Protein backbone atom coordinates (compact mmCIF):
# COMPACT_ATOMS: atom_id res chain seq x y z
CA MET A 1 -1.29 1.38 -30.85
CA ALA A 2 0.08 -2.09 -31.55
CA ALA A 3 -1.05 -4.92 -29.33
CA GLU A 4 1.26 -5.58 -26.40
CA ALA A 5 2.95 -8.93 -25.90
CA MET A 6 1.54 -9.53 -22.41
CA ASN A 7 -1.54 -8.57 -20.46
CA SER A 8 -1.27 -6.84 -17.10
CA VAL A 9 -1.47 -10.01 -15.00
CA GLU A 10 1.22 -11.76 -17.01
CA ARG A 11 3.41 -8.65 -17.03
CA THR A 12 3.24 -8.09 -13.27
CA TRP A 13 3.70 -11.72 -12.30
CA THR A 14 6.74 -11.89 -14.58
CA VAL A 15 8.32 -9.01 -12.67
CA LEU A 16 7.51 -10.51 -9.26
CA ARG A 17 9.01 -13.84 -10.29
CA GLY A 18 12.27 -12.23 -11.30
CA GLY A 19 11.69 -12.23 -15.03
CA ILE A 20 11.77 -9.54 -17.69
CA PRO A 21 8.34 -8.69 -19.17
CA ASP A 22 7.58 -6.78 -22.35
CA ARG A 23 7.57 -3.46 -20.45
CA VAL A 24 7.43 -1.93 -16.99
CA PRO A 25 3.98 -2.37 -15.36
CA VAL A 26 2.17 0.67 -13.95
CA ASP A 27 0.40 0.88 -10.59
CA LEU A 28 -2.06 3.58 -9.56
CA HIS A 29 -2.59 4.43 -5.88
CA ASN A 30 -5.83 6.16 -6.82
CA PHE A 31 -8.62 5.40 -4.35
CA MET A 32 -9.23 9.11 -3.63
CA MET A 33 -9.26 9.90 -7.35
CA THR A 34 -11.96 7.27 -7.86
CA ALA A 35 -14.02 8.75 -5.02
CA TYR A 36 -13.80 12.23 -6.51
CA ALA A 37 -14.58 11.04 -10.02
CA SER A 38 -17.67 9.16 -8.86
CA GLY A 39 -19.49 12.29 -7.69
CA ILE A 40 -20.59 10.36 -4.59
CA PRO A 41 -19.76 12.01 -1.24
CA PHE A 42 -16.48 10.62 0.08
CA PRO A 43 -17.97 9.31 3.36
CA GLU A 44 -20.56 7.32 1.43
CA PHE A 45 -18.24 6.14 -1.33
CA LEU A 46 -15.47 4.92 0.99
CA GLN A 47 -17.89 2.75 2.99
CA ASN A 48 -19.62 1.18 -0.02
CA GLY A 49 -18.04 -1.88 -1.58
CA GLU A 50 -20.00 -1.66 -4.84
CA ALA A 51 -19.11 2.00 -5.31
CA MET A 52 -15.41 1.47 -4.59
CA ALA A 53 -15.29 -1.46 -6.99
CA GLU A 54 -17.05 0.45 -9.75
CA GLY A 55 -14.71 3.39 -9.25
CA GLN A 56 -11.65 1.18 -9.64
CA ILE A 57 -13.06 -0.56 -12.70
CA GLN A 58 -13.98 2.72 -14.38
CA ALA A 59 -10.49 4.12 -13.72
CA TRP A 60 -8.93 0.98 -15.20
CA ARG A 61 -11.08 1.34 -18.30
CA GLU A 62 -10.01 4.96 -18.66
CA PHE A 63 -6.27 4.61 -17.98
CA GLY A 64 -5.40 0.97 -18.70
CA HIS A 65 -2.93 0.65 -15.82
CA ASP A 66 -1.65 -2.78 -14.84
CA VAL A 67 -1.94 -2.86 -11.05
CA LEU A 68 -5.04 -1.90 -9.03
CA LEU A 69 -4.73 -1.24 -5.30
CA ILE A 70 -8.01 -1.75 -3.43
CA GLU A 71 -8.30 0.25 -0.19
CA ASN A 72 -10.01 3.23 1.44
CA GLY A 73 -7.11 4.79 3.37
CA THR A 74 -5.37 4.04 6.65
CA ALA A 75 -8.21 3.80 9.18
CA ALA A 76 -10.23 0.72 8.18
CA LEU A 77 -8.57 -1.90 10.37
CA ALA A 78 -8.31 0.57 13.26
CA GLU A 79 -12.06 1.24 13.01
CA ALA A 80 -12.78 -2.49 13.01
CA CYS A 81 -10.68 -2.74 16.19
CA GLY A 82 -12.73 -0.07 17.96
CA CYS A 83 -11.19 3.29 17.09
CA GLY A 84 -13.41 6.29 16.46
CA VAL A 85 -13.06 7.33 12.83
CA GLU A 86 -14.12 10.50 11.03
CA TYR A 87 -15.03 10.21 7.36
CA LEU A 88 -13.90 13.46 5.78
CA LYS A 89 -15.84 15.16 2.99
CA ASP A 90 -12.93 15.45 0.57
CA SER A 91 -10.19 13.06 1.71
CA ALA A 92 -9.49 9.70 3.31
CA PRO A 93 -10.98 8.85 6.72
CA VAL A 94 -8.89 9.52 9.81
CA VAL A 95 -8.75 8.07 13.32
CA LYS A 96 -10.05 10.59 15.84
CA GLU A 97 -10.38 8.45 18.96
CA PRO A 98 -7.99 5.64 19.96
CA ALA A 99 -9.49 2.30 20.95
CA LEU A 100 -7.38 2.20 24.13
CA LYS A 101 -7.43 4.67 26.99
CA SER A 102 -4.18 3.24 28.33
CA LEU A 103 -1.60 0.64 27.45
CA ASP A 104 -2.80 -1.21 30.54
CA ASP A 105 -6.05 -1.92 28.67
CA VAL A 106 -4.38 -3.86 25.87
CA ASP A 107 -5.92 -7.17 26.91
CA LYS A 108 -9.41 -5.66 26.52
CA LEU A 109 -9.03 -5.36 22.75
CA ARG A 110 -11.33 -7.56 20.70
CA MET A 111 -9.92 -9.24 17.59
CA PRO A 112 -11.88 -7.99 14.56
CA ASP A 113 -13.57 -10.36 12.12
CA PRO A 114 -12.83 -9.14 8.58
CA TYR A 115 -16.16 -10.56 7.40
CA LYS A 116 -18.25 -8.85 10.09
CA ASP A 117 -16.62 -5.72 11.50
CA HIS A 118 -17.22 -2.50 9.58
CA PRO A 119 -15.82 -1.34 7.21
CA LEU A 120 -13.77 -4.45 6.36
CA PRO A 121 -16.66 -6.40 4.74
CA GLU A 122 -17.24 -3.52 2.33
CA LEU A 123 -13.57 -3.45 1.36
CA LEU A 124 -13.55 -7.20 0.87
CA LYS A 125 -16.65 -6.81 -1.29
CA ALA A 126 -14.84 -4.20 -3.39
CA THR A 127 -11.91 -6.55 -3.94
CA ARG A 128 -14.20 -9.45 -4.77
CA ILE A 129 -16.18 -7.48 -7.36
CA VAL A 130 -13.07 -6.10 -9.04
CA VAL A 131 -11.55 -9.59 -9.22
CA GLN A 132 -14.73 -11.04 -10.67
CA GLU A 133 -15.03 -8.31 -13.28
CA ILE A 134 -11.42 -7.78 -14.45
CA GLY A 135 -9.15 -10.01 -12.36
CA ASP A 136 -8.07 -11.94 -15.44
CA LYS A 137 -6.95 -8.71 -17.13
CA ALA A 138 -5.60 -6.55 -14.29
CA PHE A 139 -3.34 -7.37 -11.34
CA ILE A 140 -5.24 -6.83 -8.08
CA ILE A 141 -3.65 -5.93 -4.73
CA GLY A 142 -6.14 -6.22 -1.88
CA ARG A 143 -4.55 -4.01 0.76
CA ALA A 144 -4.66 -5.35 4.32
CA ASP A 145 -4.54 -1.76 5.55
CA GLN A 146 -2.01 -0.99 8.30
CA GLY A 147 0.74 -3.29 9.50
CA PRO A 148 1.38 -4.10 13.17
CA PHE A 149 3.34 -0.96 14.15
CA SER A 150 1.07 1.57 12.47
CA LEU A 151 -2.07 -0.19 13.69
CA ALA A 152 -0.72 -0.20 17.25
CA SER A 153 -0.02 3.53 16.92
CA LEU A 154 -3.63 4.15 15.92
CA LEU A 155 -5.12 1.93 18.63
CA LEU A 156 -3.24 3.66 21.44
CA GLY A 157 -2.81 7.06 19.81
CA MET A 158 0.42 7.85 18.02
CA GLU A 159 1.84 10.27 20.60
CA GLU A 160 1.09 7.92 23.49
CA PHE A 161 2.45 4.90 21.62
CA LEU A 162 5.71 6.63 20.76
CA LEU A 163 5.97 7.96 24.32
CA GLN A 164 5.56 4.46 25.73
CA ILE A 165 8.27 3.16 23.39
CA THR A 166 10.57 5.97 24.49
CA LEU A 167 9.93 5.43 28.22
CA ASN A 168 10.10 1.64 27.84
CA GLU A 169 8.44 1.19 31.21
CA LYS A 170 5.90 -1.36 29.98
CA PRO A 171 7.68 -3.45 27.35
CA GLU A 172 5.47 -6.50 27.88
CA GLN A 173 2.30 -4.51 27.20
CA ILE A 174 3.85 -2.87 24.13
CA HIS A 175 4.71 -6.23 22.65
CA ARG A 176 1.31 -7.68 23.54
CA LEU A 177 -0.26 -4.81 21.62
CA LEU A 178 2.02 -5.48 18.65
CA GLU A 179 1.21 -9.21 18.82
CA PHE A 180 -2.51 -8.36 18.71
CA CYS A 181 -1.95 -6.08 15.72
CA LEU A 182 0.15 -8.70 13.93
CA GLU A 183 -2.72 -11.17 14.23
CA ALA A 184 -5.31 -8.58 13.09
CA SER A 185 -3.19 -7.65 10.05
CA TYR A 186 -2.64 -11.31 9.20
CA ARG A 187 -6.34 -12.21 9.35
CA TYR A 188 -7.34 -9.27 7.17
CA ALA A 189 -4.56 -10.03 4.68
CA VAL A 190 -5.77 -13.63 4.36
CA ALA A 191 -9.36 -12.44 3.94
CA GLN A 192 -8.30 -10.13 1.11
CA MET A 193 -6.65 -13.06 -0.63
CA GLU A 194 -9.79 -15.15 -0.14
CA GLN A 195 -11.57 -12.63 -2.39
CA GLY A 196 -9.22 -13.55 -5.23
CA ALA A 197 -6.63 -10.78 -5.00
CA HIS A 198 -3.31 -11.64 -6.58
CA ILE A 199 -1.31 -10.37 -3.59
CA THR A 200 -1.89 -8.23 -0.50
CA SER A 201 -0.08 -5.29 1.10
CA ILE A 202 0.33 -3.28 4.29
CA GLY A 203 1.25 0.31 5.12
CA GLU A 204 3.78 1.02 7.88
CA SER A 205 4.65 4.67 7.31
CA LEU A 206 4.46 5.51 11.02
CA ALA A 207 7.46 3.21 11.52
CA GLY A 208 9.60 4.97 8.92
CA PRO A 209 12.53 7.35 9.51
CA ASP A 210 10.35 10.42 8.93
CA VAL A 211 8.63 9.53 12.24
CA CYS A 212 10.85 7.07 14.12
CA SER A 213 14.54 6.36 14.39
CA PRO A 214 16.00 3.32 12.62
CA LYS A 215 16.61 1.87 16.10
CA VAL A 216 12.88 2.01 16.88
CA TYR A 217 12.11 0.50 13.48
CA LEU A 218 14.47 -2.42 14.09
CA GLU A 219 13.14 -3.19 17.56
CA TYR A 220 9.40 -2.62 17.23
CA GLU A 221 8.51 -2.89 13.54
CA TRP A 222 10.97 -5.07 11.67
CA PRO A 223 10.49 -8.32 13.61
CA TYR A 224 6.72 -8.10 13.25
CA ALA A 225 6.83 -7.29 9.54
CA LYS A 226 9.17 -10.22 9.00
CA ARG A 227 6.89 -12.58 10.91
CA LEU A 228 3.88 -11.37 8.94
CA VAL A 229 5.68 -12.03 5.66
CA GLU A 230 6.73 -15.50 6.85
CA ARG A 231 3.21 -16.44 7.99
CA LEU A 232 1.70 -15.31 4.71
CA LYS A 233 4.33 -17.15 2.67
CA LYS A 234 3.23 -20.39 4.36
CA LYS A 235 -0.09 -19.82 2.57
CA ASP A 236 1.68 -18.88 -0.68
CA ILE A 237 0.68 -15.24 -0.20
CA LEU A 238 3.02 -12.44 -1.26
CA LEU A 239 3.11 -9.10 0.56
CA ALA A 240 3.81 -5.57 -0.63
CA TYR A 241 5.31 -3.38 2.11
CA HIS A 242 4.66 0.38 2.05
CA ILE A 243 6.63 2.96 4.01
CA CYS A 244 6.57 6.48 2.64
CA GLY A 245 9.12 9.15 3.49
CA ASP A 246 12.88 8.75 3.31
CA THR A 247 13.46 5.04 3.83
CA THR A 248 17.08 5.19 2.65
CA PRO A 249 18.47 4.36 6.14
CA ILE A 250 16.28 1.25 6.50
CA VAL A 251 15.67 0.01 2.95
CA HIS A 252 18.19 -2.85 3.32
CA LYS A 253 16.34 -4.08 6.42
CA MET A 254 13.00 -3.72 4.64
CA VAL A 255 14.32 -6.13 2.02
CA GLU A 256 15.27 -8.58 4.77
CA THR A 257 11.62 -8.91 5.84
CA GLY A 258 11.17 -10.99 2.70
CA ALA A 259 8.39 -8.77 1.31
CA ALA A 260 7.88 -9.28 -2.41
CA ILE A 261 7.35 -5.57 -3.13
CA LEU A 262 8.67 -2.45 -1.42
CA GLU A 263 6.41 0.56 -2.06
CA LEU A 264 8.68 3.61 -1.75
CA ASP A 265 8.28 7.31 -2.47
CA GLN A 266 10.39 10.07 -3.97
CA LYS A 267 12.29 10.85 -0.76
CA THR A 268 14.17 7.55 -0.84
CA ASP A 269 17.43 7.54 -2.77
CA MET A 270 16.61 5.52 -5.86
CA ARG A 271 20.10 4.14 -6.44
CA THR A 272 20.38 2.93 -2.85
CA ALA A 273 16.97 1.29 -3.12
CA LYS A 274 17.87 -0.38 -6.40
CA GLU A 275 21.09 -1.79 -5.01
CA ALA A 276 19.30 -3.09 -1.91
CA THR A 277 16.51 -4.81 -3.82
CA ARG A 278 18.40 -6.10 -6.87
CA GLY A 279 17.44 -9.74 -7.33
CA LYS A 280 15.67 -9.79 -3.94
CA ALA A 281 12.48 -7.72 -4.18
CA THR A 282 10.47 -5.56 -6.57
CA LEU A 283 10.32 -1.79 -6.15
CA LEU A 284 7.03 0.04 -6.66
CA GLY A 285 6.88 3.84 -7.02
CA PRO A 286 8.51 6.35 -6.58
CA VAL A 287 6.94 9.30 -8.44
CA ASP A 288 5.90 12.24 -6.24
CA PRO A 289 2.07 12.06 -5.97
CA ASN A 290 1.70 15.73 -5.08
CA ASP A 291 4.25 18.03 -6.72
CA VAL A 292 4.57 15.89 -9.85
CA MET A 293 1.35 13.91 -10.36
CA ALA A 294 -1.19 16.34 -8.89
CA LEU A 295 0.45 19.72 -9.46
CA GLY A 296 2.87 19.08 -12.31
CA THR A 297 2.46 19.04 -16.08
CA PRO A 298 2.33 15.97 -18.31
CA GLU A 299 5.84 16.89 -19.44
CA LEU A 300 7.11 16.84 -15.85
CA VAL A 301 5.37 13.51 -15.23
CA GLU A 302 7.06 12.05 -18.31
CA GLU A 303 10.45 13.37 -17.18
CA LYS A 304 10.18 11.91 -13.67
CA CYS A 305 8.83 8.59 -14.91
CA ARG A 306 11.62 8.27 -17.44
CA GLU A 307 14.20 9.06 -14.74
CA ALA A 308 12.72 6.41 -12.43
CA ILE A 309 12.69 3.81 -15.21
CA GLU A 310 16.31 4.51 -16.14
CA ILE A 311 17.51 4.02 -12.55
CA LEU A 312 15.17 1.32 -11.24
CA ALA A 313 14.27 -0.86 -14.22
CA PRO A 314 17.66 -2.35 -15.24
CA GLU A 315 17.68 -6.15 -14.67
CA GLY A 316 14.00 -6.11 -13.69
CA GLY A 317 12.28 -5.78 -10.34
CA PHE A 318 10.41 -2.53 -10.94
CA ILE A 319 6.78 -1.37 -11.12
CA LEU A 320 6.22 2.29 -11.96
CA GLY A 321 3.71 4.27 -9.94
CA PRO A 322 3.15 7.11 -7.50
CA GLY A 323 5.02 6.80 -4.23
CA CYS A 324 1.87 7.20 -2.16
CA ALA A 325 -1.84 7.95 -2.56
CA LEU A 326 -2.76 10.31 -5.38
CA PRO A 327 -4.73 13.42 -4.35
CA PRO A 328 -8.40 13.40 -5.36
CA LYS A 329 -8.04 16.05 -8.09
CA THR A 330 -4.94 14.64 -9.79
CA PRO A 331 -5.36 15.61 -13.48
CA PRO A 332 -6.26 12.64 -15.68
CA GLU A 333 -3.83 13.88 -18.34
CA ASN A 334 -0.99 13.32 -15.85
CA ILE A 335 -2.10 9.73 -15.32
CA HIS A 336 -2.16 9.20 -19.06
CA ALA A 337 1.35 10.68 -19.22
CA MET A 338 2.58 8.09 -16.69
CA ILE A 339 1.00 5.23 -18.63
CA GLU A 340 2.46 6.51 -21.89
CA ALA A 341 5.92 6.91 -20.31
CA ALA A 342 5.89 3.24 -19.32
CA ARG A 343 4.90 2.23 -22.84
CA ARG A 344 7.46 4.50 -24.48
CA TYR A 345 10.46 4.11 -22.18
CA GLY A 346 9.65 1.13 -19.98
CA ARG A 347 12.02 -1.44 -21.35
CA TYR A 348 14.25 -3.35 -18.96
CA THR A 349 17.91 -3.19 -19.89
């Protein structure tokens, strides 16, 4: 194959700065694939910075994707804040015990130190090693785990958190919890950048329309996401903003947070998302990680990638990738099909 005009770092930065690179960059949301491929038990792998880094580097050597997302799931920051977490044998860790017994205990929370409170130091180590090894060749996103709304849901327990929002009997405590979570997300995001990551990102899927109404999103998530973006921008840090599910009703407001990247999945209407982000933000996704990437054929992967490129790439502002985390046993030939689709069809028009 002929040499490409840009490397992955140049290509991705060109997109984020509003330019037109040689082709569409490709992101892989593949931390569970790397765990499975390593042969190391998931609970051990996902708490070991060296192992996670080596897994990401080996995957990059195999697939040659442009954007690497360094994370271990959705429970890391919650664990550092005091939640009980179960490390599953064949999937990402999950929160099993909230840190708070009651919303009245919000002032008892202790702010985590990303450099001391497990497992954050191991994740920072993973980012640091990947940056040192290939950060001049691949674009590195050091994920800051969950954003304020989703972290608050985990700290109190999702059902209890949503109930308290619905009852609205303790608004001051709810917002104190969100303020705490905003600060925790911010500190971890900055720490990820201190490892040399190119940008950082948060997940806020619990705030999306598949779980909450747009009204709840606008009152309890949007202002905090916007403030996080603004605080990070003061340090010249760009944020990618992930909400899976059907974000069509809120995608215009997601753009208004000022996030540099919106990570969206296949449920969101692509044309609506393109219109909302045109000239304002970069879209990342939206290929179905399960039915297409994990269970589909290379031919189906090529078809869906080509469709996404045709709708989302015109005039720039698009990174191709799965809409959410790839299952552990996603076939490597399907990943190669995604990479090849970007090389074959990924021209901006």
